């Protein structure tokens, strides 16, 4: 045990000593990965062709929502950085956010985002930035899980004619689960109930339960703000998809398109994100679900590609520019 601790300390000292070499290497790796990703996967001819046949006015609405999407992500990360990292430097927050976009786009499960964001906060440990990033993503994940679950239950009920009693039971289960999560976040006394005390006494389960302790210590005002902003961010994304489908299909069944957007987001969460930038998972889900609502497969594909282009690729390119600028750490 002592030998392992000494080895870890030695490794940390080596990393600190060669920090000036390691950081440029990480930056170059991120840039090279992003450029390779763009060259390999993006078909610009298909994008231009889809753009010329679409409703331009609706595309402009989507672009505006894309800016709003970025602002909400920035504001959400700013609140988290202030509470968790004690950082209020807007420049660092913006730089870390966009560098995270660049690092995330070419790594499976977007794991590179943690390294990309950590590059800016040289005065913080990687563990601290990772914890902050996890919290920043936790609340949007709640939105996706909640609305995606409800949308999936409705989809199964109407399209596979599931018995109404089974549907109602599934709804009750979902609402109970999210009610318990709400209590975990906002009610500290809930952590001391009999069930949780039993869980903590179990050696096998307690190690997983301890990972949720961070929720107990969250500031309630912070949690409330994050839930509201995450809801707005999630709604912005769903409306972007709905407007894109309307732009490419020249139809206006927005309720169905919003429903489809929820199903796609939930599918991305359920299916392991092993592909770069989640490419293929998002497009496949979009094509499948949009056809169930009577639209062409090409409409679902184009809407998904444009959503990726606006929300992921363009911010990642801006992040690439930032990566090669000198940060005032």
C-alpha atoms as a PDB file:
ATOM      1  CA  UNK A   1       0.000   0.000   0.000  1.00  0.00           C
ATOM      2  CA  UNK A   2       2.799   2.425   0.980  1.00  0.00           C
ATOM      3  CA  UNK A   3       4.644   1.563  -2.227  1.00  0.00           C
ATOM      4  CA  UNK A   4       1.539   2.323  -4.312  1.00  0.00           C
ATOM      5  CA  UNK A   5       1.123   5.719  -2.616  1.00  0.00           C
ATOM      6  CA  UNK A   6       4.788   6.556  -3.270  1.00  0.00           C
ATOM      7  CA  UNK A   7       4.403   5.551  -6.938  1.00  0.00           C
ATOM      8  CA  UNK A   8       1.356   7.802  -7.303  1.00  0.00           C
ATOM      9  CA  UNK A   9       3.191  10.718  -5.714  1.00  0.00           C
ATOM     10  CA  UNK A  10       6.144  10.154  -8.022  1.00  0.00           C
ATOM     11  CA  UNK A  11       3.821  10.099 -11.045  1.00  0.00           C
ATOM     12  CA  UNK A  12       2.174  13.367  -9.952  1.00  0.00           C
ATOM     13  CA  UNK A  13       5.595  14.979  -9.520  1.00  0.00           C
ATOM     14  CA  UNK A  14       6.663  13.870 -13.000  1.00  0.00           C
ATOM     15  CA  UNK A  15       3.452  15.208 -14.551  1.00  0.00           C
ATOM     16  CA  UNK A  16       3.877  18.510 -12.746  1.00  0.00           C
ATOM     17  CA  UNK A  17       7.514  18.780 -13.819  1.00  0.00           C
ATOM     18  CA  UNK A  18       6.695  18.184 -17.492  1.00  0.00           C
ATOM     19  CA  UNK A  19       3.441  20.151 -17.541  1.00  0.00           C
ATOM     20  CA  UNK A  20       4.769  22.549 -20.191  1.00  0.00           C
ATOM     21  CA  UNK A  21       5.272  19.600 -22.532  1.00  0.00           C
ATOM     22  CA  UNK A  22       2.122  17.653 -21.636  1.00  0.00           C
ATOM     23  CA  UNK A  23      -0.413  20.463 -22.175  1.00  0.00           C
ATOM     24  CA  UNK A  24       0.728  21.284 -25.754  1.00  0.00           C
ATOM     25  CA  UNK A  25       0.680  17.554 -26.535  1.00  0.00           C
ATOM     26  CA  UNK A  26      -2.938  17.295 -25.299  1.00  0.00           C
ATOM     27  CA  UNK A  27      -3.895  20.360 -27.358  1.00  0.00           C
ATOM     28  CA  UNK A  28      -2.305  18.952 -30.518  1.00  0.00           C
ATOM     29  CA  UNK A  29      -3.978  15.564 -29.921  1.00  0.00           C
ATOM     30  CA  UNK A  30      -7.386  17.234 -29.573  1.00  0.00           C
ATOM     31  CA  UNK A  31      -6.851  19.293 -32.730  1.00  0.00           C
ATOM     32  CA  UNK A  32      -5.645  16.298 -34.752  1.00  0.00           C
ATOM     33  CA  UNK A  33      -8.544  14.139 -33.594  1.00  0.00           C
ATOM     34  CA  UNK A  34     -11.118  16.802 -34.432  1.00  0.00           C
ATOM     35  CA  UNK A  35      -9.672  17.469 -37.895  1.00  0.00           C
ATOM     36  CA  UNK A  36      -9.558  13.734 -38.655  1.00  0.00           C
ATOM     37  CA  UNK A  37     -13.148  13.401 -37.493  1.00  0.00           C
ATOM     38  CA  UNK A  38     -14.352  16.229 -39.761  1.00  0.00           C
ATOM     39  CA  UNK A  39     -12.524  14.934 -42.836  1.00  0.00           C
ATOM     40  CA  UNK A  40     -13.702  11.349 -42.294  1.00  0.00           C
ATOM     41  CA  UNK A  41     -17.373  11.783 -41.420  1.00  0.00           C
ATOM     42  CA  UNK A  42     -18.839  15.045 -42.728  1.00  0.00           C
ATOM     43  CA  UNK A  43     -20.294  15.002 -46.262  1.00  0.00           C
ATOM     44  CA  UNK A  44     -20.550  18.658 -47.238  1.00  0.00           C
ATOM     45  CA  UNK A  45     -22.347  17.954 -50.538  1.00  0.00           C
ATOM     46  CA  UNK A  46     -25.295  16.350 -48.725  1.00  0.00           C
ATOM     47  CA  UNK A  47     -25.481  19.274 -46.300  1.00  0.00           C
ATOM     48  CA  UNK A  48     -25.541  21.859 -49.110  1.00  0.00           C
ATOM     49  CA  UNK A  49     -28.160  19.885 -51.065  1.00  0.00           C
ATOM     50  CA  UNK A  50     -30.442  19.587 -48.035  1.00  0.00           C
ATOM     51  CA  UNK A  51     -29.979  23.265 -47.227  1.00  0.00           C
ATOM     52  CA  UNK A  52     -31.058  24.498 -50.680  1.00  0.00           C
ATOM     53  CA  UNK A  53     -34.376  22.586 -50.553  1.00  0.00           C
ATOM     54  CA  UNK A  54     -35.290  23.525 -46.983  1.00  0.00           C
ATOM     55  CA  UNK A  55     -37.439  26.308 -45.547  1.00  0.00           C
ATOM     56  CA  UNK A  56     -34.808  28.992 -44.956  1.00  0.00           C
ATOM     57  CA  UNK A  57     -36.873  30.902 -42.395  1.00  0.00           C
ATOM     58  CA  UNK A  58     -37.211  27.840 -40.175  1.00  0.00           C
ATOM     59  CA  UNK A  59     -33.481  27.191 -40.497  1.00  0.00           C
ATOM     60  CA  UNK A  60     -32.832  30.741 -39.278  1.00  0.00           C
ATOM     61  CA  UNK A  61     -35.020  29.999 -36.240  1.00  0.00           C
ATOM     62  CA  UNK A  62     -32.920  26.892 -35.598  1.00  0.00           C
ATOM     63  CA  UNK A  63     -29.698  28.928 -35.838  1.00  0.00           C
ATOM     64  CA  UNK A  64     -31.077  31.426 -33.327  1.00  0.00           C
ATOM     65  CA  UNK A  65     -32.011  28.581 -30.992  1.00  0.00           C
ATOM     66  CA  UNK A  66     -28.463  27.257 -31.480  1.00  0.00           C
ATOM     67  CA  UNK A  67     -27.085  30.526 -30.080  1.00  0.00           C
ATOM     68  CA  UNK A  68     -29.546  30.300 -27.198  1.00  0.00           C
ATOM     69  CA  UNK A  69     -28.445  26.695 -26.683  1.00  0.00           C
ATOM     70  CA  UNK A  70     -24.802  27.782 -26.370  1.00  0.00           C
ATOM     71  CA  UNK A  71     -25.678  30.585 -23.967  1.00  0.00           C
ATOM     72  CA  UNK A  72     -27.635  28.217 -21.714  1.00  0.00           C
ATOM     73  CA  UNK A  73     -24.701  25.800 -21.660  1.00  0.00           C
ATOM     74  CA  UNK A  74     -22.356  28.658 -20.806  1.00  0.00           C
ATOM     75  CA  UNK A  75     -24.641  29.943 -18.034  1.00  0.00           C
ATOM     76  CA  UNK A  76     -25.102  26.451 -16.628  1.00  0.00           C
ATOM     77  CA  UNK A  77     -21.336  25.846 -16.590  1.00  0.00           C
ATOM     78  CA  UNK A  78     -20.741  29.321 -15.097  1.00  0.00           C
ATOM     79  CA  UNK A  79     -22.995  28.541 -12.131  1.00  0.00           C
ATOM     80  CA  UNK A  80     -21.307  25.173 -11.585  1.00  0.00           C
ATOM     81  CA  UNK A  81     -17.797  26.597 -11.900  1.00  0.00           C
ATOM     82  CA  UNK A  82     -18.677  29.302  -9.387  1.00  0.00           C
ATOM     83  CA  UNK A  83     -20.108  26.876  -6.808  1.00  0.00           C
ATOM     84  CA  UNK A  84     -17.810  23.867  -7.248  1.00  0.00           C
ATOM     85  CA  UNK A  85     -14.549  25.414  -8.511  1.00  0.00           C
ATOM     86  CA  UNK A  86     -14.881  28.862  -6.886  1.00  0.00           C
ATOM     87  CA  UNK A  87     -14.171  30.420 -10.267  1.00  0.00           C
ATOM     88  CA  UNK A  88     -15.999  33.465 -11.660  1.00  0.00           C
ATOM     89  CA  UNK A  89     -13.634  34.304 -14.522  1.00  0.00           C
ATOM     90  CA  UNK A  90     -15.903  34.462 -17.593  1.00  0.00           C
ATOM     91  CA  UNK A  91     -12.962  34.057 -19.960  1.00  0.00           C
ATOM     92  CA  UNK A  92     -11.851  30.812 -18.345  1.00  0.00           C
ATOM     93  CA  UNK A  93     -15.414  29.514 -18.281  1.00  0.00           C
ATOM     94  CA  UNK A  94     -15.951  30.222 -22.000  1.00  0.00           C
ATOM     95  CA  UNK A  95     -12.552  28.810 -22.965  1.00  0.00           C
ATOM     96  CA  UNK A  96     -13.055  25.615 -20.955  1.00  0.00           C
ATOM     97  CA  UNK A  97     -16.559  25.122 -22.361  1.00  0.00           C
ATOM     98  CA  UNK A  98     -15.484  25.390 -26.012  1.00  0.00           C
ATOM     99  CA  UNK A  99     -12.323  23.357 -25.491  1.00  0.00           C
ATOM    100  CA  UNK A 100     -14.544  20.701 -23.985  1.00  0.00           C
ATOM    101  CA  UNK A 101     -16.682  20.755 -27.147  1.00  0.00           C
ATOM    102  CA  UNK A 102     -13.599  20.152 -29.307  1.00  0.00           C
ATOM    103  CA  UNK A 103     -12.234  17.357 -27.167  1.00  0.00           C
ATOM    104  CA  UNK A 104     -15.632  15.662 -26.820  1.00  0.00           C
ATOM    105  CA  UNK A 105     -16.603  15.445 -30.466  1.00  0.00           C
ATOM    106  CA  UNK A 106     -14.079  12.786 -31.524  1.00  0.00           C
ATOM    107  CA  UNK A 107     -14.015  10.681 -28.351  1.00  0.00           C
ATOM    108  CA  UNK A 108     -16.482   7.864 -27.572  1.00  0.00           C
ATOM    109  CA  UNK A 109     -18.935   8.743 -24.771  1.00  0.00           C
ATOM    110  CA  UNK A 110     -17.645  12.342 -25.085  1.00  0.00           C
ATOM    111  CA  UNK A 111     -15.075  11.481 -22.432  1.00  0.00           C
ATOM    112  CA  UNK A 112     -12.617  13.957 -23.928  1.00  0.00           C
ATOM    113  CA  UNK A 113     -14.795  16.806 -22.689  1.00  0.00           C
ATOM    114  CA  UNK A 114     -13.458  16.296 -19.166  1.00  0.00           C
ATOM    115  CA  UNK A 115      -9.868  16.750 -20.349  1.00  0.00           C
ATOM    116  CA  UNK A 116     -10.797  19.668 -22.606  1.00  0.00           C
ATOM    117  CA  UNK A 117     -12.456  21.592 -19.787  1.00  0.00           C
ATOM    118  CA  UNK A 118      -9.648  20.814 -17.346  1.00  0.00           C
ATOM    119  CA  UNK A 119      -6.974  22.387 -19.580  1.00  0.00           C
ATOM    120  CA  UNK A 120      -7.985  25.909 -18.567  1.00  0.00           C
ATOM    121  CA  UNK A 121      -8.199  25.329 -14.811  1.00  0.00           C
ATOM    122  CA  UNK A 122      -4.528  24.701 -14.121  1.00  0.00           C
ATOM    123  CA  UNK A 123      -5.008  25.796 -10.497  1.00  0.00           C
ATOM    124  CA  UNK A 124      -7.554  23.012  -9.926  1.00  0.00           C
ATOM    125  CA  UNK A 125      -7.044  19.272  -9.818  1.00  0.00           C
ATOM    126  CA  UNK A 126      -8.396  17.136 -12.623  1.00  0.00           C
ATOM    127  CA  UNK A 127     -10.663  15.416 -10.080  1.00  0.00           C
ATOM    128  CA  UNK A 128     -12.247  18.750  -9.101  1.00  0.00           C
ATOM    129  CA  UNK A 129     -12.962  19.703 -12.719  1.00  0.00           C
ATOM    130  CA  UNK A 130     -14.286  16.214 -13.429  1.00  0.00           C
ATOM    131  CA  UNK A 131     -16.695  16.450 -10.484  1.00  0.00           C
ATOM    132  CA  UNK A 132     -17.867  19.879 -11.664  1.00  0.00           C
ATOM    133  CA  UNK A 133     -18.383  18.582 -15.203  1.00  0.00           C
ATOM    134  CA  UNK A 134     -20.322  15.566 -13.937  1.00  0.00           C
ATOM    135  CA  UNK A 135     -22.645  17.835 -11.955  1.00  0.00           C
ATOM    136  CA  UNK A 136     -23.021  20.124 -14.946  1.00  0.00           C
ATOM    137  CA  UNK A 137     -24.216  17.138 -16.978  1.00  0.00           C
ATOM    138  CA  UNK A 138     -26.274  15.506 -14.237  1.00  0.00           C
ATOM    139  CA  UNK A 139     -29.230  17.888 -14.395  1.00  0.00           C
ATOM    140  CA  UNK A 140     -29.684  17.765 -18.208  1.00  0.00           C
ATOM    141  CA  UNK A 141     -29.507  13.979 -17.881  1.00  0.00           C
ATOM    142  CA  UNK A 142     -32.455  14.160 -15.476  1.00  0.00           C
ATOM    143  CA  UNK A 143     -34.441  16.077 -18.104  1.00  0.00           C
ATOM    144  CA  UNK A 144     -33.597  13.553 -20.822  1.00  0.00           C
ATOM    145  CA  UNK A 145     -34.435  10.595 -18.574  1.00  0.00           C
ATOM    146  CA  UNK A 146     -37.731  12.027 -17.342  1.00  0.00           C
ATOM    147  CA  UNK A 147     -39.216  13.326 -20.593  1.00  0.00           C
ATOM    148  CA  UNK A 148     -37.650  10.517 -22.612  1.00  0.00           C
ATOM    149  CA  UNK A 149     -39.177   7.880 -20.342  1.00  0.00           C
ATOM    150  CA  UNK A 150     -42.649   9.415 -20.604  1.00  0.00           C
ATOM    151  CA  UNK A 151     -42.340   9.775 -24.389  1.00  0.00           C
ATOM    152  CA  UNK A 152     -41.171   6.172 -24.736  1.00  0.00           C
ATOM    153  CA  UNK A 153     -44.072   4.852 -22.668  1.00  0.00           C
ATOM    154  CA  UNK A 154     -46.543   6.800 -24.811  1.00  0.00           C
ATOM    155  CA  UNK A 155     -44.845   5.587 -27.991  1.00  0.00           C
ATOM    156  CA  UNK A 156     -45.048   1.951 -26.882  1.00  0.00           C
ATOM    157  CA  UNK A 157     -48.678   2.402 -25.835  1.00  0.00           C
ATOM    158  CA  UNK A 158     -49.919   3.956 -29.093  1.00  0.00           C
ATOM    159  CA  UNK A 159     -47.738   2.178 -31.641  1.00  0.00           C
ATOM    160  CA  UNK A 160     -47.580  -1.282 -30.094  1.00  0.00           C
ATOM    161  CA  UNK A 161     -51.055  -1.221 -28.483  1.00  0.00           C
ATOM    162  CA  UNK A 162     -49.844  -2.007 -24.978  1.00  0.00           C
ATOM    163  CA  UNK A 163     -52.558  -2.515 -22.364  1.00  0.00           C
ATOM    164  CA  UNK A 164     -53.572   0.733 -20.615  1.00  0.00           C
ATOM    165  CA  UNK A 165     -52.966  -0.823 -17.171  1.00  0.00           C
ATOM    166  CA  UNK A 166     -49.352  -1.594 -18.074  1.00  0.00           C
ATOM    167  CA  UNK A 167     -48.924   1.948 -19.419  1.00  0.00           C
ATOM    168  CA  UNK A 168     -50.410   3.480 -16.273  1.00  0.00           C
ATOM    169  CA  UNK A 169     -48.172   1.291 -14.093  1.00  0.00           C
ATOM    170  CA  UNK A 170     -45.072   2.418 -15.993  1.00  0.00           C
ATOM    171  CA  UNK A 171     -46.095   6.063 -15.584  1.00  0.00           C
ATOM    172  CA  UNK A 172     -46.487   5.568 -11.834  1.00  0.00           C
ATOM    173  CA  UNK A 173     -43.038   3.939 -11.579  1.00  0.00           C
ATOM    174  CA  UNK A 174     -41.387   6.807 -13.483  1.00  0.00           C
ATOM    175  CA  UNK A 175     -43.040   9.497 -11.369  1.00  0.00           C
ATOM    176  CA  UNK A 176     -42.141   7.716  -8.116  1.00  0.00           C
ATOM    177  CA  UNK A 177     -38.495   7.347  -9.165  1.00  0.00           C
ATOM    178  CA  UNK A 178     -38.146  10.998 -10.087  1.00  0.00           C
ATOM    179  CA  UNK A 179     -39.985  12.051  -6.951  1.00  0.00           C
ATOM    180  CA  UNK A 180     -37.388  10.133  -4.923  1.00  0.00           C
ATOM    181  CA  UNK A 181     -34.571  11.800  -6.879  1.00  0.00           C
ATOM    182  CA  UNK A 182     -36.122  15.192  -6.107  1.00  0.00           C
ATOM    183  CA  UNK A 183     -36.127  14.316  -2.420  1.00  0.00           C
ATOM    184  CA  UNK A 184     -32.488  13.254  -2.642  1.00  0.00           C
ATOM    185  CA  UNK A 185     -31.581  16.663  -4.065  1.00  0.00           C
ATOM    186  CA  UNK A 186     -33.741  18.981  -1.967  1.00  0.00           C
ATOM    187  CA  UNK A 187     -34.485  17.175   1.326  1.00  0.00           C
ATOM    188  CA  UNK A 188     -31.436  16.404   3.475  1.00  0.00           C
ATOM    189  CA  UNK A 189     -33.531  14.650   6.131  1.00  0.00           C
ATOM    190  CA  UNK A 190     -34.613  12.111   3.500  1.00  0.00           C
ATOM    191  CA  UNK A 191     -31.074  10.677   3.555  1.00  0.00           C
ATOM    192  CA  UNK A 192     -31.581   9.528   7.140  1.00  0.00           C
ATOM    193  CA  UNK A 193     -34.632   7.350   6.608  1.00  0.00           C
ATOM    194  CA  UNK A 194     -34.737   3.676   7.569  1.00  0.00           C
ATOM    195  CA  UNK A 195     -34.213   2.349   4.030  1.00  0.00           C
ATOM    196  CA  UNK A 196     -31.079   4.424   3.446  1.00  0.00           C
ATOM    197  CA  UNK A 197     -29.669   3.452   6.820  1.00  0.00           C
ATOM    198  CA  UNK A 198     -30.105  -0.214   5.859  1.00  0.00           C
ATOM    199  CA  UNK A 199     -28.360   0.431   2.528  1.00  0.00           C
ATOM    200  CA  UNK A 200     -25.415   2.127   4.237  1.00  0.00           C
ATOM    201  CA  UNK A 201     -25.015  -0.877   6.542  1.00  0.00           C
ATOM    202  CA  UNK A 202     -24.615  -3.208   3.541  1.00  0.00           C
ATOM    203  CA  UNK A 203     -20.981  -3.531   2.476  1.00  0.00           C
ATOM    204  CA  UNK A 204     -21.956  -4.652  -1.020  1.00  0.00           C
ATOM    205  CA  UNK A 205     -24.374  -1.791  -1.789  1.00  0.00           C
ATOM    206  CA  UNK A 206     -22.945   1.017   0.333  1.00  0.00           C
ATOM    207  CA  UNK A 207     -20.000   1.645  -2.017  1.00  0.00           C
ATOM    208  CA  UNK A 208     -22.448   2.541  -4.804  1.00  0.00           C
ATOM    209  CA  UNK A 209     -24.671   4.537  -2.474  1.00  0.00           C
ATOM    210  CA  UNK A 210     -21.714   6.619  -1.274  1.00  0.00           C
ATOM    211  CA  UNK A 211     -21.268   7.967  -4.796  1.00  0.00           C
ATOM    212  CA  UNK A 212     -24.633   9.736  -4.446  1.00  0.00           C
ATOM    213  CA  UNK A 213     -23.556  11.566  -1.287  1.00  0.00           C
ATOM    214  CA  UNK A 214     -22.545  14.558  -3.408  1.00  0.00           C
ATOM    215  CA  UNK A 215     -26.276  15.185  -4.009  1.00  0.00           C
ATOM    216  CA  UNK A 216     -26.853  15.532  -0.268  1.00  0.00           C
ATOM    217  CA  UNK A 217     -24.342  18.364   0.046  1.00  0.00           C
ATOM    218  CA  UNK A 218     -25.528  20.381  -2.955  1.00  0.00           C
ATOM    219  CA  UNK A 219     -26.724  23.913  -2.329  1.00  0.00           C
ATOM    220  CA  UNK A 220     -30.504  23.959  -2.811  1.00  0.00           C
ATOM    221  CA  UNK A 221     -30.484  27.280  -4.694  1.00  0.00           C
ATOM    222  CA  UNK A 222     -27.825  25.880  -7.027  1.00  0.00           C
ATOM    223  CA  UNK A 223     -29.896  22.762  -7.674  1.00  0.00           C
ATOM    224  CA  UNK A 224     -33.064  24.755  -8.379  1.00  0.00           C
ATOM    225  CA  UNK A 225     -31.235  27.018 -10.841  1.00  0.00           C
ATOM    226  CA  UNK A 226     -29.616  24.055 -12.577  1.00  0.00           C
ATOM    227  CA  UNK A 227     -32.933  22.241 -12.979  1.00  0.00           C
ATOM    228  CA  UNK A 228     -34.558  25.327 -14.517  1.00  0.00           C
ATOM    229  CA  UNK A 229     -31.664  26.065 -16.883  1.00  0.00           C
ATOM    230  CA  UNK A 230     -31.351  22.392 -17.834  1.00  0.00           C
ATOM    231  CA  UNK A 231     -35.048  22.287 -18.665  1.00  0.00           C
ATOM    232  CA  UNK A 232     -34.684  25.357 -20.909  1.00  0.00           C
ATOM    233  CA  UNK A 233     -31.577  23.853 -22.532  1.00  0.00           C
ATOM    234  CA  UNK A 234     -33.365  20.566 -23.154  1.00  0.00           C
ATOM    235  CA  UNK A 235     -36.475  22.309 -24.538  1.00  0.00           C
ATOM    236  CA  UNK A 236     -34.268  24.406 -26.822  1.00  0.00           C
ATOM    237  CA  UNK A 237     -32.668  21.257 -28.257  1.00  0.00           C
ATOM    238  CA  UNK A 238     -36.028  19.550 -28.808  1.00  0.00           C
ATOM    239  CA  UNK A 239     -37.509  22.603 -30.534  1.00  0.00           C
ATOM    240  CA  UNK A 240     -34.441  22.826 -32.755  1.00  0.00           C
ATOM    241  CA  UNK A 241     -35.073  19.294 -33.943  1.00  0.00           C
ATOM    242  CA  UNK A 242     -38.803  19.958 -34.460  1.00  0.00           C
ATOM    243  CA  UNK A 243     -38.133  23.063 -36.566  1.00  0.00           C
ATOM    244  CA  UNK A 244     -35.514  21.206 -38.613  1.00  0.00           C
ATOM    245  CA  UNK A 245     -37.959  18.411 -39.435  1.00  0.00           C
ATOM    246  CA  UNK A 246     -40.564  21.020 -40.401  1.00  0.00           C
ATOM    247  CA  UNK A 247     -37.989  22.827 -42.563  1.00  0.00           C
ATOM    248  CA  UNK A 248     -37.044  19.689 -44.504  1.00  0.00           C
ATOM    249  CA  UNK A 249     -40.499  18.093 -44.707  1.00  0.00           C
ATOM    250  CA  UNK A 250     -42.471  21.318 -45.358  1.00  0.00           C
ATOM    251  CA  UNK A 251     -45.083  19.961 -42.914  1.00  0.00           C
ATOM    252  CA  UNK A 252     -46.116  21.328 -39.534  1.00  0.00           C
ATOM    253  CA  UNK A 253     -46.947  18.405 -37.221  1.00  0.00           C
ATOM    254  CA  UNK A 254     -44.854  19.980 -34.433  1.00  0.00           C
ATOM    255  CA  UNK A 255     -46.298  17.844 -31.629  1.00  0.00           C
ATOM    256  CA  UNK A 256     -45.122  14.700 -33.412  1.00  0.00           C
ATOM    257  CA  UNK A 257     -41.714  16.239 -34.101  1.00  0.00           C
ATOM    258  CA  UNK A 258     -41.287  17.238 -30.458  1.00  0.00           C
ATOM    259  CA  UNK A 259     -42.308  13.722 -29.464  1.00  0.00           C
ATOM    260  CA  UNK A 260     -39.718  12.322 -31.866  1.00  0.00           C
ATOM    261  CA  UNK A 261     -37.027  14.615 -30.482  1.00  0.00           C
ATOM    262  CA  UNK A 262     -37.654  13.281 -26.977  1.00  0.00           C
ATOM    263  CA  UNK A 263     -37.418   9.707 -28.226  1.00  0.00           C
ATOM    264  CA  UNK A 264     -34.123  10.426 -29.999  1.00  0.00           C
ATOM    265  CA  UNK A 265     -32.566  12.043 -26.934  1.00  0.00           C
ATOM    266  CA  UNK A 266     -33.668   9.114 -24.785  1.00  0.00           C
ATOM    267  CA  UNK A 267     -32.280   6.600 -27.299  1.00  0.00           C
ATOM    268  CA  UNK A 268     -28.910   8.360 -27.260  1.00  0.00           C
ATOM    269  CA  UNK A 269     -28.891   8.016 -23.486  1.00  0.00           C
ATOM    270  CA  UNK A 270     -29.876   4.339 -23.427  1.00  0.00           C
ATOM    271  CA  UNK A 271     -27.629   3.137 -26.283  1.00  0.00           C
ATOM    272  CA  UNK A 272     -23.936   3.079 -25.272  1.00  0.00           C
ATOM    273  CA  UNK A 273     -22.247   6.032 -27.086  1.00  0.00           C
ATOM    274  CA  UNK A 274     -19.356   4.102 -28.595  1.00  0.00           C
ATOM    275  CA  UNK A 275     -19.213   6.033 -31.890  1.00  0.00           C
ATOM    276  CA  UNK A 276     -17.390   9.308 -32.446  1.00  0.00           C
ATOM    277  CA  UNK A 277     -19.677  12.245 -31.691  1.00  0.00           C
ATOM    278  CA  UNK A 278     -22.500   9.722 -31.290  1.00  0.00           C
ATOM    279  CA  UNK A 279     -22.659   9.723 -35.085  1.00  0.00           C
ATOM    280  CA  UNK A 280     -24.929   6.960 -36.375  1.00  0.00           C
ATOM    281  CA  UNK A 281     -26.838   6.490 -33.120  1.00  0.00           C
ATOM    282  CA  UNK A 282     -28.561   9.868 -33.383  1.00  0.00           C
ATOM    283  CA  UNK A 283     -29.155   9.537 -37.143  1.00  0.00           C
ATOM    284  CA  UNK A 284     -30.433   5.966 -36.897  1.00  0.00           C
ATOM    285  CA  UNK A 285     -32.858   6.855 -34.113  1.00  0.00           C
ATOM    286  CA  UNK A 286     -34.040   9.925 -36.019  1.00  0.00           C
ATOM    287  CA  UNK A 287     -34.700   7.947 -39.209  1.00  0.00           C
ATOM    288  CA  UNK A 288     -36.523   5.166 -37.358  1.00  0.00           C
ATOM    289  CA  UNK A 289     -38.801   7.307 -35.222  1.00  0.00           C
ATOM    290  CA  UNK A 290     -39.607   9.959 -37.822  1.00  0.00           C
ATOM    291  CA  UNK A 291     -40.833   7.235 -40.186  1.00  0.00           C
ATOM    292  CA  UNK A 292     -43.253   6.057 -37.497  1.00  0.00           C
ATOM    293  CA  UNK A 293     -44.853   9.496 -37.694  1.00  0.00           C
ATOM    294  CA  UNK A 294     -45.265   9.360 -41.481  1.00  0.00           C
ATOM    295  CA  UNK A 295     -42.223  11.372 -42.599  1.00  0.00           C
ATOM    296  CA  UNK A 296     -39.512  10.341 -45.054  1.00  0.00           C
ATOM    297  CA  UNK A 297     -36.307   8.758 -43.796  1.00  0.00           C
ATOM    298  CA  UNK A 298     -34.256  11.473 -45.548  1.00  0.00           C
ATOM    299  CA  UNK A 299     -36.056  14.123 -43.495  1.00  0.00           C
ATOM    300  CA  UNK A 300     -35.040  12.449 -40.240  1.00  0.00           C
ATOM    301  CA  UNK A 301     -31.469  12.006 -41.446  1.00  0.00           C
ATOM    302  CA  UNK A 302     -31.087  15.615 -42.612  1.00  0.00           C
ATOM    303  CA  UNK A 303     -32.618  17.011 -39.417  1.00  0.00           C
ATOM    304  CA  UNK A 304     -30.230  14.956 -37.297  1.00  0.00           C
ATOM    305  CA  UNK A 305     -27.146  15.879 -39.348  1.00  0.00           C
ATOM    306  CA  UNK A 306     -28.000  19.584 -39.216  1.00  0.00           C
ATOM    307  CA  UNK A 307     -28.590  19.373 -35.483  1.00  0.00           C
ATOM    308  CA  UNK A 308     -25.141  17.829 -35.106  1.00  0.00           C
ATOM    309  CA  UNK A 309     -23.611  20.449 -37.397  1.00  0.00           C
ATOM    310  CA  UNK A 310     -25.128  23.420 -35.528  1.00  0.00           C
ATOM    311  CA  UNK A 311     -24.876  22.216 -31.919  1.00  0.00           C
ATOM    312  CA  UNK A 312     -21.709  20.127 -31.986  1.00  0.00           C
ATOM    313  CA  UNK A 313     -19.424  20.678 -34.974  1.00  0.00           C
ATOM    314  CA  UNK A 314     -19.481  24.497 -35.222  1.00  0.00           C
ATOM    315  CA  UNK A 315     -18.862  25.004 -31.455  1.00  0.00           C
ATOM    316  CA  UNK A 316     -16.087  22.391 -31.674  1.00  0.00           C
ATOM    317  CA  UNK A 317     -14.398  24.366 -34.454  1.00  0.00           C
ATOM    318  CA  UNK A 318     -14.508  27.507 -32.330  1.00  0.00           C
ATOM    319  CA  UNK A 319     -13.005  25.463 -29.518  1.00  0.00           C
ATOM    320  CA  UNK A 320     -10.208  24.364 -31.842  1.00  0.00           C
ATOM    321  CA  UNK A 321      -9.298  28.007 -32.429  1.00  0.00           C
ATOM    322  CA  UNK A 322      -9.336  28.698 -28.693  1.00  0.00           C
ATOM    323  CA  UNK A 323      -7.119  25.697 -27.959  1.00  0.00           C
ATOM    324  CA  UNK A 324      -4.230  27.286 -29.854  1.00  0.00           C
ATOM    325  CA  UNK A 325      -4.602  30.650 -28.194  1.00  0.00           C
ATOM    326  CA  UNK A 326      -2.567  31.401 -25.105  1.00  0.00           C
ATOM    327  CA  UNK A 327      -4.759  31.098 -22.023  1.00  0.00           C
ATOM    328  CA  UNK A 328      -4.157  33.452 -19.118  1.00  0.00           C
ATOM    329  CA  UNK A 329      -4.173  30.815 -16.446  1.00  0.00           C
END
